[in-house]
PDB file of N, CA and C in Angstrom:
ATOM      1  N   MET A   1      21.324  12.467  25.933  1.00  0.00           N
ATOM      2  CA  MET A   1      22.695  12.576  26.410  1.00  0.00           C
ATOM      3  C   MET A   1      22.759  12.680  27.925  1.00  0.00           C
ATOM      4  N   GLN A   2      21.708  12.246  28.589  1.00  0.00           N
ATOM      5  CA  GLN A   2      21.670  12.270  30.045  1.00  0.00           C
ATOM      6  C   GLN A   2      22.789  11.424  30.621  1.00  0.00           C
ATOM      7  N   PHE A   3      23.061  10.295  30.020  1.00  0.00           N
ATOM      8  CA  PHE A   3      24.084   9.412  30.553  1.00  0.00           C
ATOM      9  C   PHE A   3      25.477   9.991  30.371  1.00  0.00           C
ATOM     10  N   ALA A   4      25.649  10.872  29.402  1.00  0.00           N
ATOM     11  CA  ALA A   4      26.944  11.515  29.230  1.00  0.00           C
ATOM     12  C   ALA A   4      27.242  12.423  30.416  1.00  0.00           C
ATOM     13  N   ARG A   5      26.185  13.000  31.033  1.00  0.00           N
ATOM     14  CA  ARG A   5      26.396  13.817  32.239  1.00  0.00           C
ATOM     15  C   ARG A   5      26.685  12.927  33.444  1.00  0.00           C
ATOM     16  N   GLU A   6      26.020  11.781  33.517  1.00  0.00           N
ATOM     17  CA  GLU A   6      26.222  10.880  34.657  1.00  0.00           C
ATOM     18  C   GLU A   6      27.557  10.157  34.581  1.00  0.00           C
ATOM     19  N   ASN A   7      27.986   9.840  33.383  1.00  0.00           N
ATOM     20  CA  ASN A   7      29.260   9.148  33.165  1.00  0.00           C
ATOM     21  C   ASN A   7      30.185  10.088  32.401  1.00  0.00           C
ATOM     22  N   PRO A   8      30.924  10.941  33.089  1.00  0.00           N
ATOM     23  CA  PRO A   8      31.760  11.897  32.358  1.00  0.00           C
ATOM     24  C   PRO A   8      32.801  11.189  31.500  1.00  0.00           C
ATOM     25  N   LEU A   9      33.084  11.783  30.380  1.00  0.00           N
ATOM     26  CA  LEU A   9      34.029  11.219  29.421  1.00  0.00           C
ATOM     27  C   LEU A   9      35.436  11.262  30.001  1.00  0.00           C
ATOM     28  N   PRO A  10      36.112  10.105  30.094  1.00  0.00           N
ATOM     29  CA  PRO A  10      37.491  10.109  30.609  1.00  0.00           C
ATOM     30  C   PRO A  10      38.418  10.792  29.602  1.00  0.00           C
ATOM     31  N   LEU A  11      39.605  11.027  30.039  1.00  0.00           N
ATOM     32  CA  LEU A  11      40.594  11.672  29.188  1.00  0.00           C
ATOM     33  C   LEU A  11      40.819  10.821  27.939  1.00  0.00           C
ATOM     34  N   LEU A  12      40.664  11.437  26.782  1.00  0.00           N
ATOM     35  CA  LEU A  12      40.807  10.716  25.517  1.00  0.00           C
ATOM     36  C   LEU A  12      42.184  10.953  24.913  1.00  0.00           C
ATOM     37  N   PRO A  13      42.716   9.951  24.230  1.00  0.00           N
ATOM     38  CA  PRO A  13      43.944  10.182  23.473  1.00  0.00           C
ATOM     39  C   PRO A  13      43.641  11.144  22.323  1.00  0.00           C
ATOM     40  N   PRO A  14      44.637  11.819  21.819  1.00  0.00           N
ATOM     41  CA  PRO A  14      44.384  12.768  20.723  1.00  0.00           C
ATOM     42  C   PRO A  14      43.833  12.067  19.476  1.00  0.00           C
ATOM     43  N   GLN A  15      42.999  12.786  18.741  1.00  0.00           N
ATOM     44  CA  GLN A  15      42.390  12.230  17.529  1.00  0.00           C
ATOM     45  C   GLN A  15      43.451  11.985  16.470  1.00  0.00           C
ATOM     46  N   VAL A  16      43.326  10.878  15.779  1.00  0.00           N
ATOM     47  CA  VAL A  16      44.285  10.506  14.739  1.00  0.00           C
ATOM     48  C   VAL A  16      43.773  11.024  13.395  1.00  0.00           C
ATOM     49  N   LYS A  17      44.612  11.739  12.694  1.00  0.00           N
ATOM     50  CA  LYS A  17      44.261  12.249  11.365  1.00  0.00           C
ATOM     51  C   LYS A  17      44.927  11.362  10.318  1.00  0.00           C
ATOM     52  N   ILE A  18      44.123  10.801   9.421  1.00  0.00           N
ATOM     53  CA  ILE A  18      44.622   9.927   8.358  1.00  0.00           C
ATOM     54  C   ILE A  18      44.490  10.687   7.037  1.00  0.00           C
ATOM     55  N   GLU A  19      45.610  10.861   6.359  1.00  0.00           N
ATOM     56  CA  GLU A  19      45.579  11.568   5.085  1.00  0.00           C
ATOM     57  C   GLU A  19      45.791  10.634   3.899  1.00  0.00           C
ATOM     58  N   SER A  20      46.385   9.477   4.143  1.00  0.00           N
ATOM     59  CA  SER A  20      46.561   8.503   3.073  1.00  0.00           C
ATOM     60  C   SER A  20      46.548   7.101   3.686  1.00  0.00           C
ATOM     61  N   ALA A  21      46.469   6.105   2.835  1.00  0.00           N
ATOM     62  CA  ALA A  21      46.436   4.724   3.309  1.00  0.00           C
ATOM     63  C   ALA A  21      47.727   4.353   4.030  1.00  0.00           C
ATOM     64  N   ASN A  22      48.803   5.022   3.724  1.00  0.00           N
ATOM     65  CA  ASN A  22      50.083   4.739   4.364  1.00  0.00           C
ATOM     66  C   ASN A  22      50.103   5.197   5.820  1.00  0.00           C
ATOM     67  N   ASP A  23      49.209   6.110   6.195  1.00  0.00           N
ATOM     68  CA  ASP A  23      49.153   6.617   7.567  1.00  0.00           C
ATOM     69  C   ASP A  23      48.451   5.653   8.520  1.00  0.00           C
ATOM     70  N   ILE A  24      47.802   4.634   7.991  1.00  0.00           N
ATOM     71  CA  ILE A  24      47.072   3.696   8.842  1.00  0.00           C
ATOM     72  C   ILE A  24      48.059   2.714   9.458  1.00  0.00           C
ATOM     73  N   THR A  25      48.183   2.809  10.766  1.00  0.00           N
ATOM     74  CA  THR A  25      49.079   1.930  11.494  1.00  0.00           C
ATOM     75  C   THR A  25      48.302   1.234  12.609  1.00  0.00           C
ATOM     76  N   GLU A  26      48.931   0.257  13.219  1.00  0.00           N
ATOM     77  CA  GLU A  26      48.291  -0.444  14.330  1.00  0.00           C
ATOM     78  C   GLU A  26      48.026   0.518  15.488  1.00  0.00           C
ATOM     79  N   GLU A  27      48.943   1.434  15.712  1.00  0.00           N
ATOM     80  CA  GLU A  27      48.774   2.421  16.789  1.00  0.00           C
ATOM     81  C   GLU A  27      47.601   3.360  16.499  1.00  0.00           C
ATOM     82  N   ALA A  28      47.446   3.773  15.239  1.00  0.00           N
ATOM     83  CA  ALA A  28      46.329   4.650  14.875  1.00  0.00           C
ATOM     84  C   ALA A  28      44.990   3.943  15.065  1.00  0.00           C
ATOM     85  N   ILE A  29      44.936   2.680  14.682  1.00  0.00           N
ATOM     86  CA  ILE A  29      43.706   1.908  14.842  1.00  0.00           C
ATOM     87  C   ILE A  29      43.394   1.718  16.320  1.00  0.00           C
ATOM     88  N   GLN A  30      44.408   1.400  17.118  1.00  0.00           N
ATOM     89  CA  GLN A  30      44.208   1.193  18.546  1.00  0.00           C
ATOM     90  C   GLN A  30      43.739   2.484  19.222  1.00  0.00           C
ATOM     91  N   THR A  31      44.319   3.611  18.873  1.00  0.00           N
ATOM     92  CA  THR A  31      43.917   4.886  19.456  1.00  0.00           C
ATOM     93  C   THR A  31      42.481   5.220  19.095  1.00  0.00           C
ATOM     94  N   THR A  32      42.105   4.994  17.858  1.00  0.00           N
ATOM     95  CA  THR A  32      40.741   5.272  17.425  1.00  0.00           C
ATOM     96  C   THR A  32      39.745   4.364  18.131  1.00  0.00           C
ATOM     97  N   MET A  33      40.082   3.100  18.285  1.00  0.00           N
ATOM     98  CA  MET A  33      39.197   2.163  18.988  1.00  0.00           C
ATOM     99  C   MET A  33      39.032   2.548  20.461  1.00  0.00           C
ATOM    100  N   ILE A  34      40.093   2.971  21.100  1.00  0.00           N
ATOM    101  CA  ILE A  34      40.016   3.399  22.497  1.00  0.00           C
ATOM    102  C   ILE A  34      39.090   4.607  22.627  1.00  0.00           C
ATOM    103  N   ARG A  35      39.232   5.559  21.701  1.00  0.00           N
ATOM    104  CA  ARG A  35      38.360   6.746  21.727  1.00  0.00           C
ATOM    105  C   ARG A  35      36.896   6.344  21.548  1.00  0.00           C
ATOM    106  N   ALA A  36      36.626   5.434  20.631  1.00  0.00           N
ATOM    107  CA  ALA A  36      35.246   5.022  20.359  1.00  0.00           C
ATOM    108  C   ALA A  36      34.641   4.289  21.554  1.00  0.00           C
ATOM    109  N   VAL A  37      35.392   3.365  22.140  1.00  0.00           N
ATOM    110  CA  VAL A  37      34.880   2.597  23.282  1.00  0.00           C
ATOM    111  C   VAL A  37      34.612   3.513  24.467  1.00  0.00           C
ATOM    112  N   ARG A  38      35.492   4.448  24.708  1.00  0.00           N
ATOM    113  CA  ARG A  38      35.282   5.374  25.825  1.00  0.00           C
ATOM    114  C   ARG A  38      34.071   6.270  25.583  1.00  0.00           C
ATOM    115  N   PHE A  39      33.900   6.743  24.352  1.00  0.00           N
ATOM    116  CA  PHE A  39      32.746   7.593  24.052  1.00  0.00           C
ATOM    117  C   PHE A  39      31.444   6.825  24.241  1.00  0.00           C
ATOM    118  N   TYR A  40      31.338   5.656  23.639  1.00  0.00           N
ATOM    119  CA  TYR A  40      30.096   4.894  23.755  1.00  0.00           C
ATOM    120  C   TYR A  40      29.868   4.392  25.181  1.00  0.00           C
ATOM    121  N   GLY A  41      30.931   4.236  25.937  1.00  0.00           N
ATOM    122  CA  GLY A  41      30.778   3.875  27.343  1.00  0.00           C
ATOM    123  C   GLY A  41      30.132   4.978  28.160  1.00  0.00           C
ATOM    124  N   THR A  42      30.330   6.228  27.754  1.00  0.00           N
ATOM    125  CA  THR A  42      29.733   7.332  28.502  1.00  0.00           C
ATOM    126  C   THR A  42      28.241   7.456  28.246  1.00  0.00           C
ATOM    127  N   ILE A  43      27.762   7.082  27.083  1.00  0.00           N
ATOM    128  CA  ILE A  43      26.335   7.228  26.788  1.00  0.00           C
ATOM    129  C   ILE A  43      25.572   5.924  26.978  1.00  0.00           C
ATOM    130  N   GLN A  44      26.234   4.915  27.520  1.00  0.00           N
ATOM    131  CA  GLN A  44      25.587   3.626  27.764  1.00  0.00           C
ATOM    132  C   GLN A  44      24.997   3.613  29.172  1.00  0.00           C
ATOM    133  N   ALA A  45      23.798   3.040  29.308  1.00  0.00           N
ATOM    134  CA  ALA A  45      23.150   2.938  30.614  1.00  0.00           C
ATOM    135  C   ALA A  45      23.874   1.899  31.470  1.00  0.00           C
ATOM    136  N   HIS A  46      23.566   1.907  32.756  1.00  0.00           N
ATOM    137  CA  HIS A  46      24.253   0.995  33.680  1.00  0.00           C
ATOM    138  C   HIS A  46      23.927  -0.465  33.403  1.00  0.00           C
ATOM    139  N   ASP A  47      22.741  -0.731  32.832  1.00  0.00           N
ATOM    140  CA  ASP A  47      22.393  -2.127  32.540  1.00  0.00           C
ATOM    141  C   ASP A  47      22.863  -2.576  31.163  1.00  0.00           C
ATOM    142  N   GLY A  48      23.542  -1.710  30.427  1.00  0.00           N
ATOM    143  CA  GLY A  48      24.169  -2.126  29.179  1.00  0.00           C
ATOM    144  C   GLY A  48      23.479  -1.696  27.906  1.00  0.00           C
ATOM    145  N   HIS A  49      22.323  -1.061  27.958  1.00  0.00           N
ATOM    146  CA  HIS A  49      21.654  -0.649  26.728  1.00  0.00           C
ATOM    147  C   HIS A  49      21.906   0.840  26.468  1.00  0.00           C
ATOM    148  N   TRP A  50      21.610   1.256  25.236  1.00  0.00           N
ATOM    149  CA  TRP A  50      21.717   2.647  24.862  1.00  0.00           C
ATOM    150  C   TRP A  50      20.305   3.216  24.779  1.00  0.00           C
ATOM    151  N   PRO A  51      19.913   4.051  25.714  1.00  0.00           N
ATOM    152  CA  PRO A  51      18.551   4.581  25.716  1.00  0.00           C
ATOM    153  C   PRO A  51      18.263   5.391  24.457  1.00  0.00           C
ATOM    154  N   GLY A  52      17.063   5.213  23.924  1.00  0.00           N
ATOM    155  CA  GLY A  52      16.670   5.957  22.739  1.00  0.00           C
ATOM    156  C   GLY A  52      17.300   5.439  21.467  1.00  0.00           C
ATOM    157  N   ASP A  53      17.912   4.283  21.525  1.00  0.00           N
ATOM    158  CA  ASP A  53      18.563   3.718  20.350  1.00  0.00           C
ATOM    159  C   ASP A  53      17.509   3.319  19.325  1.00  0.00           C
ATOM    160  N   TYR A  54      17.711   3.676  18.089  1.00  0.00           N
ATOM    161  CA  TYR A  54      16.750   3.407  17.020  1.00  0.00           C
ATOM    162  C   TYR A  54      16.763   1.946  16.588  1.00  0.00           C
ATOM    163  N   ALA A  55      17.863   1.266  16.682  1.00  0.00           N
ATOM    164  CA  ALA A  55      18.064  -0.126  16.293  1.00  0.00           C
ATOM    165  C   ALA A  55      18.257  -0.288  14.793  1.00  0.00           C
ATOM    166  N   GLY A  56      18.106   0.757  14.032  1.00  0.00           N
ATOM    167  CA  GLY A  56      18.441   0.789  12.618  1.00  0.00           C
ATOM    168  C   GLY A  56      18.022  -0.421  11.823  1.00  0.00           C
ATOM    169  N   PRO A  57      18.980  -1.126  11.218  1.00  0.00           N
ATOM    170  CA  PRO A  57      18.648  -2.261  10.362  1.00  0.00           C
ATOM    171  C   PRO A  57      17.910  -3.381  11.076  1.00  0.00           C
ATOM    172  N   MET A  58      18.145  -3.560  12.361  1.00  0.00           N
ATOM    173  CA  MET A  58      17.453  -4.632  13.073  1.00  0.00           C
ATOM    174  C   MET A  58      15.953  -4.356  13.144  1.00  0.00           C
ATOM    175  N   PHE A  59      15.569  -3.090  13.135  1.00  0.00           N
ATOM    176  CA  PHE A  59      14.162  -2.723  13.153  1.00  0.00           C
ATOM    177  C   PHE A  59      13.517  -3.013  11.797  1.00  0.00           C
ATOM    178  N   LEU A  60      14.280  -2.834  10.729  1.00  0.00           N
ATOM    179  CA  LEU A  60      13.752  -3.000   9.377  1.00  0.00           C
ATOM    180  C   LEU A  60      13.932  -4.414   8.834  1.00  0.00           C
ATOM    181  N   LEU A  61      14.704  -5.245   9.519  1.00  0.00           N
ATOM    182  CA  LEU A  61      15.039  -6.578   9.022  1.00  0.00           C
ATOM    183  C   LEU A  61      13.837  -7.495   8.807  1.00  0.00           C
ATOM    184  N   PRO A  62      12.826  -7.537   9.687  1.00  0.00           N
ATOM    185  CA  PRO A  62      11.698  -8.448   9.446  1.00  0.00           C
ATOM    186  C   PRO A  62      10.980  -8.186   8.127  1.00  0.00           C
ATOM    187  N   GLY A  63      10.816  -6.935   7.742  1.00  0.00           N
ATOM    188  CA  GLY A  63      10.193  -6.618   6.452  1.00  0.00           C
ATOM    189  C   GLY A  63      11.020  -7.116   5.289  1.00  0.00           C
ATOM    190  N   LEU A  64      12.318  -6.997   5.413  1.00  0.00           N
ATOM    191  CA  LEU A  64      13.200  -7.470   4.347  1.00  0.00           C
ATOM    192  C   LEU A  64      13.131  -8.984   4.230  1.00  0.00           C
ATOM    193  N   VAL A  65      13.160  -9.671   5.357  1.00  0.00           N
ATOM    194  CA  VAL A  65      13.132 -11.131   5.338  1.00  0.00           C
ATOM    195  C   VAL A  65      11.810 -11.642   4.767  1.00  0.00           C
ATOM    196  N   SER A  66      10.703 -10.998   5.115  1.00  0.00           N
ATOM    197  CA  SER A  66       9.412 -11.465   4.614  1.00  0.00           C
ATOM    198  C   SER A  66       9.288 -11.262   3.106  1.00  0.00           C
ATOM    199  N   ASN A  67       9.960 -10.270   2.549  1.00  0.00           N
ATOM    200  CA  ASN A  67       9.900 -10.019   1.113  1.00  0.00           C
ATOM    201  C   ASN A  67      11.021 -10.692   0.341  1.00  0.00           C
ATOM    202  N   LEU A  68      11.989 -11.237   1.055  1.00  0.00           N
ATOM    203  CA  LEU A  68      13.122 -11.874   0.391  1.00  0.00           C
ATOM    204  C   LEU A  68      12.679 -13.059  -0.448  1.00  0.00           C
ATOM    205  N   ASN A  69      11.722 -13.838   0.056  1.00  0.00           N
ATOM    206  CA  ASN A  69      11.215 -14.993  -0.669  1.00  0.00           C
ATOM    207  C   ASN A  69      10.613 -14.560  -2.003  1.00  0.00           C
ATOM    208  N   LYS A  70       9.825 -13.482  -1.989  1.00  0.00           N
ATOM    209  CA  LYS A  70       9.211 -12.988  -3.222  1.00  0.00           C
ATOM    210  C   LYS A  70      10.267 -12.509  -4.204  1.00  0.00           C
ATOM    211  N   MET A  71      11.269 -11.789  -3.700  1.00  0.00           N
ATOM    212  CA  MET A  71      12.315 -11.293  -4.582  1.00  0.00           C
ATOM    213  C   MET A  71      13.106 -12.446  -5.186  1.00  0.00           C
ATOM    214  N   PHE A  72      13.420 -13.455  -4.351  1.00  0.00           N
ATOM    215  CA  PHE A  72      14.201 -14.585  -4.831  1.00  0.00           C
ATOM    216  C   PHE A  72      13.436 -15.365  -5.895  1.00  0.00           C
ATOM    217  N   LEU A  73      12.140 -15.610  -5.665  1.00  0.00           N
ATOM    218  CA  LEU A  73      11.348 -16.356  -6.637  1.00  0.00           C
ATOM    219  C   LEU A  73      11.208 -15.585  -7.944  1.00  0.00           C
ATOM    220  N   SER A  74      11.064 -14.264  -7.874  1.00  0.00           N
ATOM    221  CA  SER A  74      10.992 -13.457  -9.093  1.00  0.00           C
ATOM    222  C   SER A  74      12.296 -13.546  -9.868  1.00  0.00           C
ATOM    223  N   LEU A  75      13.410 -13.442  -9.167  1.00  0.00           N
ATOM    224  CA  LEU A  75      14.711 -13.533  -9.819  1.00  0.00           C
ATOM    225  C   LEU A  75      14.923 -14.921 -10.410  1.00  0.00           C
ATOM    226  N   LEU A  76      14.540 -15.948  -9.663  1.00  0.00           N
ATOM    227  CA  LEU A  76      14.703 -17.316 -10.145  1.00  0.00           C
ATOM    228  C   LEU A  76      13.855 -17.567 -11.394  1.00  0.00           C
ATOM    229  N   SER A  77      12.612 -17.102 -11.391  1.00  0.00           N
ATOM    230  CA  SER A  77      11.771 -17.300 -12.570  1.00  0.00           C
ATOM    231  C   SER A  77      12.322 -16.518 -13.764  1.00  0.00           C
ATOM    232  N   PHE A  78      12.882 -15.334 -13.514  1.00  0.00           N
ATOM    233  CA  PHE A  78      13.496 -14.565 -14.598  1.00  0.00           C
ATOM    234  C   PHE A  78      14.679 -15.321 -15.199  1.00  0.00           C
ATOM    235  N   ILE A  79      15.515 -15.880 -14.332  1.00  0.00           N
ATOM    236  CA  ILE A  79      16.692 -16.620 -14.825  1.00  0.00           C
ATOM    237  C   ILE A  79      16.255 -17.849 -15.615  1.00  0.00           C
ATOM    238  N   VAL A  80      15.254 -18.563 -15.137  1.00  0.00           N
ATOM    239  CA  VAL A  80      14.771 -19.748 -15.849  1.00  0.00           C
ATOM    240  C   VAL A  80      14.214 -19.356 -17.213  1.00  0.00           C
ATOM    241  N   CYS A  81      13.459 -18.260 -17.271  1.00  0.00           N
ATOM    242  CA  CYS A  81      12.916 -17.800 -18.556  1.00  0.00           C
ATOM    243  C   CYS A  81      14.033 -17.406 -19.518  1.00  0.00           C
ATOM    244  N   MET A  82      15.028 -16.674 -19.013  1.00  0.00           N
ATOM    245  CA  MET A  82      16.138 -16.257 -19.871  1.00  0.00           C
ATOM    246  C   MET A  82      16.923 -17.468 -20.358  1.00  0.00           C
ATOM    247  N   HIS A  83      17.115 -18.440 -19.483  1.00  0.00           N
ATOM    248  CA  HIS A  83      17.832 -19.650 -19.869  1.00  0.00           C
ATOM    249  C   HIS A  83      17.066 -20.407 -20.962  1.00  0.00           C
ATOM    250  N   GLY A  84      15.734 -20.483 -20.792  1.00  0.00           N
ATOM    251  CA  GLY A  84      14.917 -21.143 -21.798  1.00  0.00           C
ATOM    252  C   GLY A  84      14.982 -20.424 -23.142  1.00  0.00           C
ATOM    253  N   MET A  85      14.976 -19.098 -23.103  1.00  0.00           N
ATOM    254  CA  MET A  85      15.051 -18.327 -24.346  1.00  0.00           C
ATOM    255  C   MET A  85      16.397 -18.524 -25.007  1.00  0.00           C
ATOM    256  N   LEU A  86      17.464 -18.567 -24.192  1.00  0.00           N
ATOM    257  CA  LEU A  86      18.801 -18.769 -24.767  1.00  0.00           C
ATOM    258  C   LEU A  86      18.902 -20.143 -25.419  1.00  0.00           C
ATOM    259  N   LEU A  87      18.331 -21.151 -24.778  1.00  0.00           N
ATOM    260  CA  LEU A  87      18.375 -22.497 -25.370  1.00  0.00           C
ATOM    261  C   LEU A  87      17.544 -22.549 -26.656  1.00  0.00           C
ATOM    262  N   LYS A  88      16.455 -21.820 -26.696  1.00  0.00           N
ATOM    263  CA  LYS A  88      15.580 -21.825 -27.848  1.00  0.00           C
ATOM    264  C   LYS A  88      16.241 -21.193 -29.073  1.00  0.00           C
ATOM    265  N   TYR A  89      17.006 -20.131 -28.852  1.00  0.00           N
ATOM    266  CA  TYR A  89      17.586 -19.388 -29.975  1.00  0.00           C
ATOM    267  C   TYR A  89      19.036 -19.750 -30.251  1.00  0.00           C
ATOM    268  N   THR A  90      19.564 -20.777 -29.612  1.00  0.00           N
ATOM    269  CA  THR A  90      20.947 -21.162 -29.926  1.00  0.00           C
ATOM    270  C   THR A  90      21.001 -22.468 -30.663  1.00  0.00           C
TER     271      THR A  90
END
């Protein structure tokens, strides 16, 4: 949170409380977006990155992509087998 000290948080609009779907208005969405952009702007470095960012799904994506082929082929072979069994017994 070093950047939060260097970039002090500007005055934020009051937080919007939503109690039902009917409370969601364009103004509520706009106020929430302004609050979010201002908050993330305070913890963002001057060159545009977020220091210490984990990267979440982007970090785990290569493992998923490399195994996707195996998962797809297993599912495809299962479907072909089930289809063959259905044709055999109908």
